[in-house]
Amino acid sequence: MTTEPRSAWPFAGLSVRTRITVSVAVLVGLALTGAGFTVYALESAHIEDAVARQIDQELAEFSRFRTQGIDPETGERPATVERLIRVFLLRNVPDDDELLLGYLQGRAAVRQGTSEHAQILDNANFREVIAARQSSGGSVRVDTEQGEVVVTVQQIEDSTTSGAFVIANFLEDEHEELDRVIST
């Protein structure tokens, strides 16, 4: 009885056909994983750009309405901050992943969006960001129970009232579809 030295290669006992099949399966798996990561990175960047464009569009629409908008009740430009916010939000339909808010004297007065998204009004982090940004404006990301939210505040004032136009973009909603595609 003779003994042959065992090969250090784990697939030595397998047929050539099996080795080729395993090799091709491993290479295809690596290629698909690499492609998946690439698509995820590119699409995530695309989502971030789309959210930034949505915010810019809403701010531009608000700015245009602020300077040229007509109050349907009076036929003239809105006379107060409150009326400006109310009329603008009544005429504006937010995207599925967006909540539009009007703040007057530091309190939420008007909102446009789904009731699911309106739950963010109960979030302490969200309220703190709004309070901190009402005088300066700008955008910031906030972590909430509903995921990451981009909050943009546009300050508004007249001689007697201060207010803010607030846009909340829910990034979790944006990423859900991408996550489903990648997992498939």
N, C-alpha and C. Protein backbone atom coordinates (compact mmCIF):
# COMPACT_ATOMS: atom_id res chain seq x y z
N MET A 1 0.83 -1.17 0.00
CA MET A 1 0.00 0.00 0.00
C MET A 1 0.87 1.24 0.00
N THR A 2 0.65 2.09 -0.97
CA THR A 2 1.44 3.31 -1.04
C THR A 2 0.55 4.50 -0.70
N THR A 3 1.13 5.46 -0.15
CA THR A 3 0.37 6.67 0.17
C THR A 3 0.88 7.81 -0.70
N GLU A 4 -0.08 8.55 -1.22
CA GLU A 4 0.27 9.71 -2.01
C GLU A 4 0.24 10.94 -1.10
N PRO A 5 1.13 11.87 -1.33
CA PRO A 5 1.09 13.07 -0.50
C PRO A 5 -0.20 13.86 -0.77
N ARG A 6 -0.80 14.37 0.31
CA ARG A 6 -2.02 15.15 0.16
C ARG A 6 -1.69 16.54 -0.38
N SER A 7 -2.51 17.00 -1.25
CA SER A 7 -2.32 18.32 -1.82
C SER A 7 -2.78 19.37 -0.81
N ALA A 8 -2.09 20.48 -0.76
CA ALA A 8 -2.46 21.56 0.13
C ALA A 8 -3.66 22.34 -0.41
N TRP A 9 -3.99 22.16 -1.66
CA TRP A 9 -5.10 22.89 -2.28
C TRP A 9 -6.40 22.20 -1.92
N PRO A 10 -7.40 22.93 -1.38
CA PRO A 10 -8.61 22.28 -0.88
C PRO A 10 -9.47 21.66 -1.98
N PHE A 11 -9.33 22.09 -3.22
CA PHE A 11 -10.16 21.56 -4.30
C PHE A 11 -9.46 20.46 -5.09
N ALA A 12 -8.38 19.93 -4.57
CA ALA A 12 -7.60 18.94 -5.30
C ALA A 12 -8.41 17.68 -5.62
N GLY A 13 -9.34 17.29 -4.77
CA GLY A 13 -10.12 16.08 -5.01
C GLY A 13 -11.31 16.30 -5.92
N LEU A 14 -11.55 17.52 -6.35
CA LEU A 14 -12.70 17.82 -7.18
C LEU A 14 -12.34 17.73 -8.66
N SER A 15 -13.35 17.47 -9.45
CA SER A 15 -13.11 17.39 -10.89
C SER A 15 -12.83 18.78 -11.44
N VAL A 16 -12.27 18.82 -12.62
CA VAL A 16 -11.95 20.09 -13.26
C VAL A 16 -13.24 20.88 -13.51
N ARG A 17 -14.27 20.21 -13.93
CA ARG A 17 -15.56 20.86 -14.18
C ARG A 17 -16.08 21.54 -12.90
N THR A 18 -15.99 20.88 -11.80
CA THR A 18 -16.46 21.44 -10.53
C THR A 18 -15.60 22.63 -10.12
N ARG A 19 -14.28 22.49 -10.30
CA ARG A 19 -13.39 23.61 -9.97
C ARG A 19 -13.69 24.84 -10.81
N ILE A 20 -13.94 24.65 -12.09
CA ILE A 20 -14.26 25.78 -12.98
C ILE A 20 -15.58 26.41 -12.54
N THR A 21 -16.57 25.58 -12.23
CA THR A 21 -17.88 26.09 -11.81
C THR A 21 -17.76 26.91 -10.53
N VAL A 22 -17.03 26.40 -9.56
CA VAL A 22 -16.84 27.13 -8.29
C VAL A 22 -16.08 28.44 -8.55
N SER A 23 -15.06 28.39 -9.36
CA SER A 23 -14.27 29.59 -9.66
C SER A 23 -15.14 30.65 -10.33
N VAL A 24 -15.93 30.24 -11.32
CA VAL A 24 -16.80 31.19 -12.01
C VAL A 24 -17.84 31.76 -11.03
N ALA A 25 -18.42 30.91 -10.17
CA ALA A 25 -19.41 31.38 -9.21
C ALA A 25 -18.80 32.40 -8.25
N VAL A 26 -17.59 32.15 -7.79
CA VAL A 26 -16.91 33.08 -6.88
C VAL A 26 -16.62 34.40 -7.61
N LEU A 27 -16.13 34.34 -8.83
CA LEU A 27 -15.84 35.56 -9.59
C LEU A 27 -17.11 36.37 -9.86
N VAL A 28 -18.19 35.69 -10.23
CA VAL A 28 -19.45 36.39 -10.48
C VAL A 28 -19.96 37.02 -9.19
N GLY A 29 -19.85 36.30 -8.07
CA GLY A 29 -20.27 36.86 -6.79
C GLY A 29 -19.47 38.10 -6.43
N LEU A 30 -18.16 38.06 -6.63
CA LEU A 30 -17.33 39.22 -6.36
C LEU A 30 -17.67 40.38 -7.29
N ALA A 31 -17.91 40.09 -8.56
CA ALA A 31 -18.26 41.14 -9.52
C ALA A 31 -19.59 41.78 -9.15
N LEU A 32 -20.59 40.97 -8.79
CA LEU A 32 -21.89 41.52 -8.42
C LEU A 32 -21.82 42.32 -7.13
N THR A 33 -21.02 41.88 -6.18
CA THR A 33 -20.84 42.62 -4.94
C THR A 33 -20.19 43.97 -5.22
N GLY A 34 -19.15 43.96 -6.03
CA GLY A 34 -18.48 45.21 -6.41
C GLY A 34 -19.42 46.15 -7.15
N ALA A 35 -20.19 45.59 -8.07
CA ALA A 35 -21.16 46.42 -8.81
C ALA A 35 -22.22 46.97 -7.86
N GLY A 36 -22.65 46.15 -6.91
CA GLY A 36 -23.66 46.61 -5.95
C GLY A 36 -23.15 47.77 -5.12
N PHE A 37 -21.92 47.67 -4.63
CA PHE A 37 -21.34 48.76 -3.85
C PHE A 37 -21.19 50.03 -4.69
N THR A 38 -20.78 49.86 -5.93
CA THR A 38 -20.62 51.01 -6.82
C THR A 38 -21.96 51.69 -7.09
N VAL A 39 -22.97 50.89 -7.41
CA VAL A 39 -24.31 51.45 -7.67
C VAL A 39 -24.83 52.14 -6.42
N TYR A 40 -24.65 51.53 -5.27
CA TYR A 40 -25.14 52.13 -4.02
C TYR A 40 -24.47 53.48 -3.77
N ALA A 41 -23.16 53.54 -3.95
CA ALA A 41 -22.44 54.79 -3.73
C ALA A 41 -22.89 55.87 -4.71
N LEU A 42 -23.02 55.52 -5.98
CA LEU A 42 -23.43 56.50 -6.98
C LEU A 42 -24.87 56.97 -6.76
N GLU A 43 -25.75 56.05 -6.47
CA GLU A 43 -27.15 56.41 -6.26
C GLU A 43 -27.34 57.19 -4.96
N SER A 44 -26.55 56.88 -3.94
CA SER A 44 -26.63 57.67 -2.69
C SER A 44 -26.23 59.12 -2.96
N ALA A 45 -25.19 59.31 -3.75
CA ALA A 45 -24.78 60.66 -4.12
C ALA A 45 -25.87 61.34 -4.95
N HIS A 46 -26.51 60.58 -5.83
CA HIS A 46 -27.60 61.12 -6.64
C HIS A 46 -28.78 61.55 -5.76
N ILE A 47 -29.09 60.75 -4.75
CA ILE A 47 -30.17 61.08 -3.82
C ILE A 47 -29.85 62.37 -3.08
N GLU A 48 -28.62 62.51 -2.61
CA GLU A 48 -28.21 63.73 -1.91
C GLU A 48 -28.37 64.95 -2.82
N ASP A 49 -27.97 64.82 -4.09
CA ASP A 49 -28.12 65.92 -5.04
C ASP A 49 -29.59 66.23 -5.29
N ALA A 50 -30.42 65.20 -5.41
CA ALA A 50 -31.85 65.40 -5.65
C ALA A 50 -32.50 66.13 -4.48
N VAL A 51 -32.12 65.78 -3.26
CA VAL A 51 -32.66 66.46 -2.08
C VAL A 51 -32.24 67.92 -2.07
N ALA A 52 -30.99 68.18 -2.40
CA ALA A 52 -30.51 69.57 -2.46
C ALA A 52 -31.28 70.36 -3.52
N ARG A 53 -31.55 69.74 -4.68
CA ARG A 53 -32.33 70.40 -5.72
C ARG A 53 -33.77 70.66 -5.27
N GLN A 54 -34.37 69.70 -4.54
CA GLN A 54 -35.73 69.89 -4.02
C GLN A 54 -35.77 71.09 -3.07
N ILE A 55 -34.78 71.16 -2.20
CA ILE A 55 -34.73 72.28 -1.24
C ILE A 55 -34.58 73.60 -1.99
N ASP A 56 -33.66 73.65 -2.95
CA ASP A 56 -33.46 74.87 -3.73
C ASP A 56 -34.73 75.26 -4.47
N GLN A 57 -35.44 74.29 -5.02
CA GLN A 57 -36.69 74.57 -5.74
C GLN A 57 -37.74 75.16 -4.80
N GLU A 58 -37.90 74.56 -3.63
CA GLU A 58 -38.90 75.07 -2.68
C GLU A 58 -38.54 76.49 -2.22
N LEU A 59 -37.26 76.73 -1.94
CA LEU A 59 -36.85 78.07 -1.52
C LEU A 59 -37.05 79.09 -2.63
N ALA A 60 -36.78 78.70 -3.87
CA ALA A 60 -36.98 79.60 -5.01
C ALA A 60 -38.47 79.91 -5.19
N GLU A 61 -39.32 78.88 -5.08
CA GLU A 61 -40.76 79.10 -5.19
C GLU A 61 -41.26 80.03 -4.08
N PHE A 62 -40.76 79.83 -2.88
CA PHE A 62 -41.17 80.68 -1.76
C PHE A 62 -40.71 82.11 -1.98
N SER A 63 -39.48 82.28 -2.43
CA SER A 63 -38.94 83.62 -2.68
C SER A 63 -39.74 84.32 -3.78
N ARG A 64 -40.07 83.58 -4.84
CA ARG A 64 -40.87 84.15 -5.92
C ARG A 64 -42.26 84.55 -5.41
N PHE A 65 -42.88 83.70 -4.61
CA PHE A 65 -44.20 84.02 -4.07
C PHE A 65 -44.13 85.21 -3.12
N ARG A 66 -43.05 85.28 -2.39
CA ARG A 66 -42.88 86.38 -1.42
C ARG A 66 -42.83 87.73 -2.12
N THR A 67 -42.21 87.77 -3.32
CA THR A 67 -42.08 89.04 -4.03
C THR A 67 -43.18 89.29 -5.05
N GLN A 68 -43.79 88.20 -5.59
CA GLN A 68 -44.75 88.38 -6.67
C GLN A 68 -46.11 87.74 -6.41
N GLY A 69 -46.24 87.00 -5.31
CA GLY A 69 -47.46 86.25 -5.06
C GLY A 69 -48.66 87.13 -4.75
N ILE A 70 -49.82 86.61 -5.07
CA ILE A 70 -51.08 87.33 -4.85
C ILE A 70 -51.95 86.53 -3.88
N ASP A 71 -52.47 87.22 -2.89
CA ASP A 71 -53.41 86.62 -1.94
C ASP A 71 -54.77 86.54 -2.65
N PRO A 72 -55.33 85.34 -2.79
CA PRO A 72 -56.60 85.22 -3.52
C PRO A 72 -57.77 85.94 -2.86
N GLU A 73 -57.70 86.19 -1.57
CA GLU A 73 -58.79 86.88 -0.88
C GLU A 73 -58.77 88.38 -1.13
N THR A 74 -57.57 88.96 -1.24
CA THR A 74 -57.48 90.42 -1.39
C THR A 74 -57.10 90.85 -2.80
N GLY A 75 -56.52 89.94 -3.58
CA GLY A 75 -56.05 90.31 -4.92
C GLY A 75 -54.75 91.08 -4.89
N GLU A 76 -54.13 91.19 -3.73
CA GLU A 76 -52.86 91.90 -3.58
C GLU A 76 -51.83 90.97 -2.95
N ARG A 77 -50.62 91.48 -2.81
CA ARG A 77 -49.59 90.68 -2.14
C ARG A 77 -49.99 90.45 -0.69
N PRO A 78 -49.63 89.29 -0.13
CA PRO A 78 -49.97 89.04 1.28
C PRO A 78 -49.41 90.13 2.18
N ALA A 79 -50.25 90.63 3.07
CA ALA A 79 -49.89 91.78 3.89
C ALA A 79 -49.07 91.42 5.12
N THR A 80 -49.23 90.19 5.63
CA THR A 80 -48.53 89.82 6.85
C THR A 80 -47.72 88.55 6.63
N VAL A 81 -46.81 88.30 7.54
CA VAL A 81 -46.02 87.07 7.49
C VAL A 81 -46.94 85.87 7.60
N GLU A 82 -47.90 85.95 8.50
CA GLU A 82 -48.83 84.83 8.67
C GLU A 82 -49.59 84.53 7.39
N ARG A 83 -50.09 85.55 6.74
CA ARG A 83 -50.85 85.34 5.51
C ARG A 83 -49.94 84.82 4.39
N LEU A 84 -48.74 85.33 4.32
CA LEU A 84 -47.77 84.87 3.32
C LEU A 84 -47.53 83.37 3.47
N ILE A 85 -47.26 82.94 4.69
CA ILE A 85 -46.99 81.53 4.95
C ILE A 85 -48.23 80.68 4.66
N ARG A 86 -49.38 81.10 5.15
CA ARG A 86 -50.61 80.32 4.96
C ARG A 86 -50.97 80.16 3.48
N VAL A 87 -50.95 81.24 2.73
CA VAL A 87 -51.31 81.17 1.32
C VAL A 87 -50.30 80.33 0.55
N PHE A 88 -49.01 80.53 0.82
CA PHE A 88 -48.00 79.74 0.11
C PHE A 88 -48.17 78.26 0.38
N LEU A 89 -48.33 77.87 1.63
CA LEU A 89 -48.45 76.45 1.96
C LEU A 89 -49.75 75.85 1.44
N LEU A 90 -50.82 76.62 1.39
CA LEU A 90 -52.06 76.10 0.84
C LEU A 90 -51.96 75.84 -0.67
N ARG A 91 -51.10 76.59 -1.34
CA ARG A 91 -50.92 76.43 -2.79
C ARG A 91 -49.82 75.45 -3.16
N ASN A 92 -49.08 74.97 -2.21
CA ASN A 92 -47.92 74.14 -2.49
C ASN A 92 -48.17 72.71 -2.05
N VAL A 93 -47.87 71.76 -2.91
CA VAL A 93 -48.02 70.34 -2.59
C VAL A 93 -46.61 69.76 -2.41
N PRO A 94 -46.30 69.27 -1.20
CA PRO A 94 -44.96 68.73 -0.97
C PRO A 94 -44.77 67.37 -1.63
N ASP A 95 -43.51 67.00 -1.87
CA ASP A 95 -43.19 65.67 -2.37
C ASP A 95 -43.51 64.64 -1.29
N ASP A 96 -43.47 63.37 -1.67
CA ASP A 96 -43.79 62.28 -0.74
C ASP A 96 -42.86 62.25 0.46
N ASP A 97 -41.64 62.68 0.28
CA ASP A 97 -40.63 62.60 1.33
C ASP A 97 -40.37 63.95 1.97
N GLU A 98 -41.35 64.84 1.91
CA GLU A 98 -41.13 66.22 2.32
C GLU A 98 -42.27 66.70 3.23
N LEU A 99 -41.93 67.54 4.17
CA LEU A 99 -42.91 68.19 5.03
C LEU A 99 -42.60 69.68 4.99
N LEU A 100 -43.62 70.48 4.69
CA LEU A 100 -43.46 71.93 4.64
C LEU A 100 -44.19 72.52 5.84
N LEU A 101 -43.52 73.44 6.53
CA LEU A 101 -44.08 74.02 7.76
C LEU A 101 -43.97 75.53 7.73
N GLY A 102 -44.91 76.16 8.39
CA GLY A 102 -44.85 77.60 8.62
C GLY A 102 -44.81 77.84 10.12
N TYR A 103 -43.83 78.59 10.56
CA TYR A 103 -43.70 78.94 11.98
C TYR A 103 -43.99 80.42 12.15
N LEU A 104 -44.76 80.72 13.17
CA LEU A 104 -45.07 82.10 13.52
C LEU A 104 -44.76 82.30 14.99
N GLN A 105 -43.98 83.32 15.27
CA GLN A 105 -43.60 83.64 16.64
C GLN A 105 -43.05 82.40 17.37
N GLY A 106 -42.29 81.56 16.66
CA GLY A 106 -41.63 80.42 17.27
C GLY A 106 -42.46 79.16 17.40
N ARG A 107 -43.70 79.16 16.89
CA ARG A 107 -44.55 77.97 17.01
C ARG A 107 -45.04 77.54 15.63
N ALA A 108 -45.15 76.22 15.44
CA ALA A 108 -45.66 75.69 14.18
C ALA A 108 -47.10 76.12 14.01
N ALA A 109 -47.40 76.78 12.89
CA ALA A 109 -48.75 77.30 12.67
C ALA A 109 -49.44 76.58 11.52
N VAL A 110 -48.71 76.23 10.50
CA VAL A 110 -49.29 75.61 9.31
C VAL A 110 -48.36 74.50 8.85
N ARG A 111 -48.95 73.42 8.33
CA ARG A 111 -48.11 72.36 7.78
C ARG A 111 -48.75 71.78 6.54
N GLN A 112 -47.92 71.29 5.63
CA GLN A 112 -48.34 70.57 4.44
C GLN A 112 -47.48 69.33 4.34
N GLY A 113 -48.10 68.18 4.33
CA GLY A 113 -47.38 66.91 4.24
C GLY A 113 -48.21 65.82 4.88
N THR A 114 -47.68 64.62 4.91
CA THR A 114 -48.43 63.49 5.45
C THR A 114 -48.44 63.54 6.98
N SER A 115 -49.46 62.92 7.55
CA SER A 115 -49.55 62.87 9.01
C SER A 115 -48.41 62.04 9.59
N GLU A 116 -47.93 61.07 8.82
CA GLU A 116 -46.79 60.25 9.26
C GLU A 116 -45.56 61.14 9.46
N HIS A 117 -45.32 62.05 8.53
CA HIS A 117 -44.19 62.95 8.65
C HIS A 117 -44.41 64.02 9.71
N ALA A 118 -45.66 64.38 9.96
CA ALA A 118 -45.96 65.41 10.96
C ALA A 118 -45.59 64.97 12.37
N GLN A 119 -45.38 63.68 12.57
CA GLN A 119 -44.97 63.19 13.88
C GLN A 119 -43.63 63.77 14.31
N ILE A 120 -42.88 64.26 13.36
CA ILE A 120 -41.57 64.83 13.69
C ILE A 120 -41.72 66.08 14.56
N LEU A 121 -42.88 66.70 14.55
CA LEU A 121 -43.10 67.89 15.37
C LEU A 121 -42.97 67.58 16.86
N ASP A 122 -43.10 66.30 17.23
CA ASP A 122 -42.96 65.90 18.62
C ASP A 122 -41.51 65.62 19.01
N ASN A 123 -40.60 65.62 18.03
CA ASN A 123 -39.21 65.29 18.28
C ASN A 123 -38.46 66.50 18.85
N ALA A 124 -37.82 66.31 20.00
CA ALA A 124 -37.12 67.40 20.68
C ALA A 124 -35.96 67.94 19.85
N ASN A 125 -35.18 67.05 19.20
CA ASN A 125 -34.06 67.51 18.36
C ASN A 125 -34.56 68.41 17.23
N PHE A 126 -35.66 68.01 16.61
CA PHE A 126 -36.24 68.79 15.51
C PHE A 126 -36.66 70.18 16.01
N ARG A 127 -37.34 70.23 17.12
CA ARG A 127 -37.80 71.51 17.66
C ARG A 127 -36.63 72.41 18.04
N GLU A 128 -35.57 71.83 18.59
CA GLU A 128 -34.38 72.61 18.96
C GLU A 128 -33.71 73.21 17.73
N VAL A 129 -33.62 72.44 16.66
CA VAL A 129 -33.01 72.93 15.42
C VAL A 129 -33.82 74.10 14.87
N ILE A 130 -35.14 73.96 14.86
CA ILE A 130 -35.99 75.03 14.36
C ILE A 130 -35.80 76.29 15.21
N ALA A 131 -35.83 76.13 16.53
CA ALA A 131 -35.67 77.28 17.42
C ALA A 131 -34.32 77.97 17.20
N ALA A 132 -33.28 77.18 17.01
CA ALA A 132 -31.94 77.74 16.83
C ALA A 132 -31.77 78.43 15.47
N ARG A 133 -32.50 77.98 14.46
CA ARG A 133 -32.32 78.49 13.10
C ARG A 133 -33.34 79.55 12.68
N GLN A 134 -34.33 79.84 13.52
CA GLN A 134 -35.37 80.78 13.09
C GLN A 134 -34.83 82.19 12.85
N SER A 135 -33.80 82.57 13.54
CA SER A 135 -33.26 83.91 13.33
C SER A 135 -32.16 83.95 12.26
N SER A 136 -31.51 82.81 12.01
CA SER A 136 -30.40 82.82 11.06
C SER A 136 -30.69 82.06 9.77
N GLY A 137 -31.61 81.10 9.80
CA GLY A 137 -31.90 80.29 8.62
C GLY A 137 -30.82 79.26 8.37
N GLY A 138 -30.93 78.56 7.27
CA GLY A 138 -29.94 77.57 6.88
C GLY A 138 -30.46 76.14 6.96
N SER A 139 -29.59 75.20 6.65
CA SER A 139 -29.94 73.77 6.64
C SER A 139 -29.06 73.01 7.61
N VAL A 140 -29.64 71.95 8.17
CA VAL A 140 -28.91 71.08 9.08
C VAL A 140 -29.55 69.70 9.03
N ARG A 141 -28.76 68.67 9.33
CA ARG A 141 -29.27 67.30 9.39
C ARG A 141 -29.59 66.95 10.83
N VAL A 142 -30.72 66.27 11.01
CA VAL A 142 -31.19 65.90 12.34
C VAL A 142 -31.50 64.41 12.34
N ASP A 143 -31.06 63.71 13.39
CA ASP A 143 -31.42 62.30 13.56
C ASP A 143 -32.71 62.24 14.37
N THR A 144 -33.70 61.53 13.83
CA THR A 144 -34.99 61.39 14.50
C THR A 144 -35.40 59.92 14.48
N GLU A 145 -36.55 59.63 15.07
CA GLU A 145 -37.09 58.28 15.03
C GLU A 145 -37.42 57.87 13.60
N GLN A 146 -37.64 58.84 12.73
CA GLN A 146 -37.98 58.58 11.34
C GLN A 146 -36.74 58.57 10.45
N GLY A 147 -35.58 58.50 11.05
CA GLY A 147 -34.33 58.49 10.30
C GLY A 147 -33.74 59.89 10.20
N GLU A 148 -32.78 60.02 9.32
CA GLU A 148 -32.11 61.30 9.14
C GLU A 148 -33.01 62.25 8.34
N VAL A 149 -33.09 63.50 8.80
CA VAL A 149 -33.95 64.50 8.17
C VAL A 149 -33.10 65.75 7.90
N VAL A 150 -33.20 66.27 6.68
CA VAL A 150 -32.56 67.55 6.36
C VAL A 150 -33.59 68.64 6.62
N VAL A 151 -33.26 69.53 7.55
CA VAL A 151 -34.17 70.61 7.94
C VAL A 151 -33.60 71.92 7.41
N THR A 152 -34.42 72.62 6.62
CA THR A 152 -34.02 73.91 6.06
C THR A 152 -34.99 74.97 6.56
N VAL A 153 -34.44 76.06 7.06
CA VAL A 153 -35.26 77.13 7.62
C VAL A 153 -34.98 78.42 6.86
N GLN A 154 -36.05 79.09 6.42
CA GLN A 154 -35.96 80.40 5.76
C GLN A 154 -36.67 81.41 6.64
N GLN A 155 -35.93 82.35 7.17
CA GLN A 155 -36.47 83.35 8.08
C GLN A 155 -37.34 84.35 7.31
N ILE A 156 -38.43 84.81 7.97
CA ILE A 156 -39.33 85.82 7.40
C ILE A 156 -39.68 86.81 8.50
N GLU A 157 -39.69 88.09 8.15
CA GLU A 157 -40.06 89.11 9.13
C GLU A 157 -40.84 90.22 8.44
N ASP A 158 -41.72 90.84 9.19
CA ASP A 158 -42.27 92.13 8.80
C ASP A 158 -42.14 93.04 10.01
N SER A 159 -42.78 94.17 10.00
CA SER A 159 -42.58 95.13 11.09
C SER A 159 -43.13 94.64 12.43
N THR A 160 -44.06 93.70 12.43
CA THR A 160 -44.67 93.27 13.69
C THR A 160 -44.48 91.79 14.01
N THR A 161 -44.21 90.97 13.01
CA THR A 161 -44.21 89.52 13.21
C THR A 161 -42.95 88.90 12.63
N SER A 162 -42.50 87.86 13.31
CA SER A 162 -41.41 87.06 12.74
C SER A 162 -41.92 85.65 12.53
N GLY A 163 -41.37 85.01 11.53
CA GLY A 163 -41.78 83.65 11.23
C GLY A 163 -40.70 82.94 10.45
N ALA A 164 -41.03 81.74 10.03
CA ALA A 164 -40.07 80.95 9.26
C ALA A 164 -40.81 79.97 8.37
N PHE A 165 -40.25 79.77 7.20
CA PHE A 165 -40.70 78.73 6.28
C PHE A 165 -39.72 77.58 6.47
N VAL A 166 -40.23 76.38 6.78
CA VAL A 166 -39.38 75.23 7.11
C VAL A 166 -39.67 74.09 6.15
N ILE A 167 -38.59 73.50 5.63
CA ILE A 167 -38.67 72.33 4.76
C ILE A 167 -37.98 71.19 5.48
N ALA A 168 -38.66 70.07 5.64
CA ALA A 168 -38.06 68.87 6.23
C ALA A 168 -38.07 67.77 5.16
N ASN A 169 -36.88 67.33 4.76
CA ASN A 169 -36.73 66.25 3.79
C ASN A 169 -36.30 64.98 4.51
N PHE A 170 -37.07 63.92 4.35
CA PHE A 170 -36.84 62.66 5.04
C PHE A 170 -35.96 61.76 4.16
N LEU A 171 -34.67 61.67 4.51
CA LEU A 171 -33.73 60.90 3.71
C LEU A 171 -34.01 59.40 3.77
N GLU A 172 -34.54 58.93 4.89
CA GLU A 172 -34.86 57.51 5.03
C GLU A 172 -35.82 57.07 3.93
N ASP A 173 -36.82 57.91 3.64
CA ASP A 173 -37.77 57.60 2.58
C ASP A 173 -37.07 57.50 1.23
N GLU A 174 -36.13 58.40 1.01
CA GLU A 174 -35.39 58.41 -0.25
C GLU A 174 -34.54 57.16 -0.42
N HIS A 175 -33.94 56.69 0.67
CA HIS A 175 -33.02 55.55 0.59
C HIS A 175 -33.73 54.20 0.61
N GLU A 176 -34.99 54.13 1.03
CA GLU A 176 -35.69 52.85 1.13
C GLU A 176 -35.76 52.12 -0.20
N GLU A 177 -36.10 52.83 -1.27
CA GLU A 177 -36.22 52.20 -2.58
C GLU A 177 -34.86 51.69 -3.05
N LEU A 178 -33.83 52.47 -2.86
CA LEU A 178 -32.48 52.04 -3.23
C LEU A 178 -32.08 50.80 -2.45
N ASP A 179 -32.39 50.77 -1.16
CA ASP A 179 -32.06 49.60 -0.33
C ASP A 179 -32.78 48.35 -0.84
N ARG A 180 -34.04 48.51 -1.26
CA ARG A 180 -34.79 47.35 -1.79
C ARG A 180 -34.14 46.83 -3.08
N VAL A 181 -33.74 47.74 -3.95
CA VAL A 181 -33.11 47.33 -5.21
C VAL A 181 -31.78 46.63 -4.94
N ILE A 182 -30.99 47.18 -4.05
CA ILE A 182 -29.68 46.58 -3.75
C ILE A 182 -29.87 45.21 -3.10
N SER A 183 -30.81 45.07 -2.19
CA SER A 183 -30.99 43.76 -1.55
C SER A 183 -31.49 42.72 -2.55
N THR A 184 -32.27 43.15 -3.55
CA THR A 184 -32.70 42.21 -4.58
C THR A 184 -31.52 41.76 -5.40
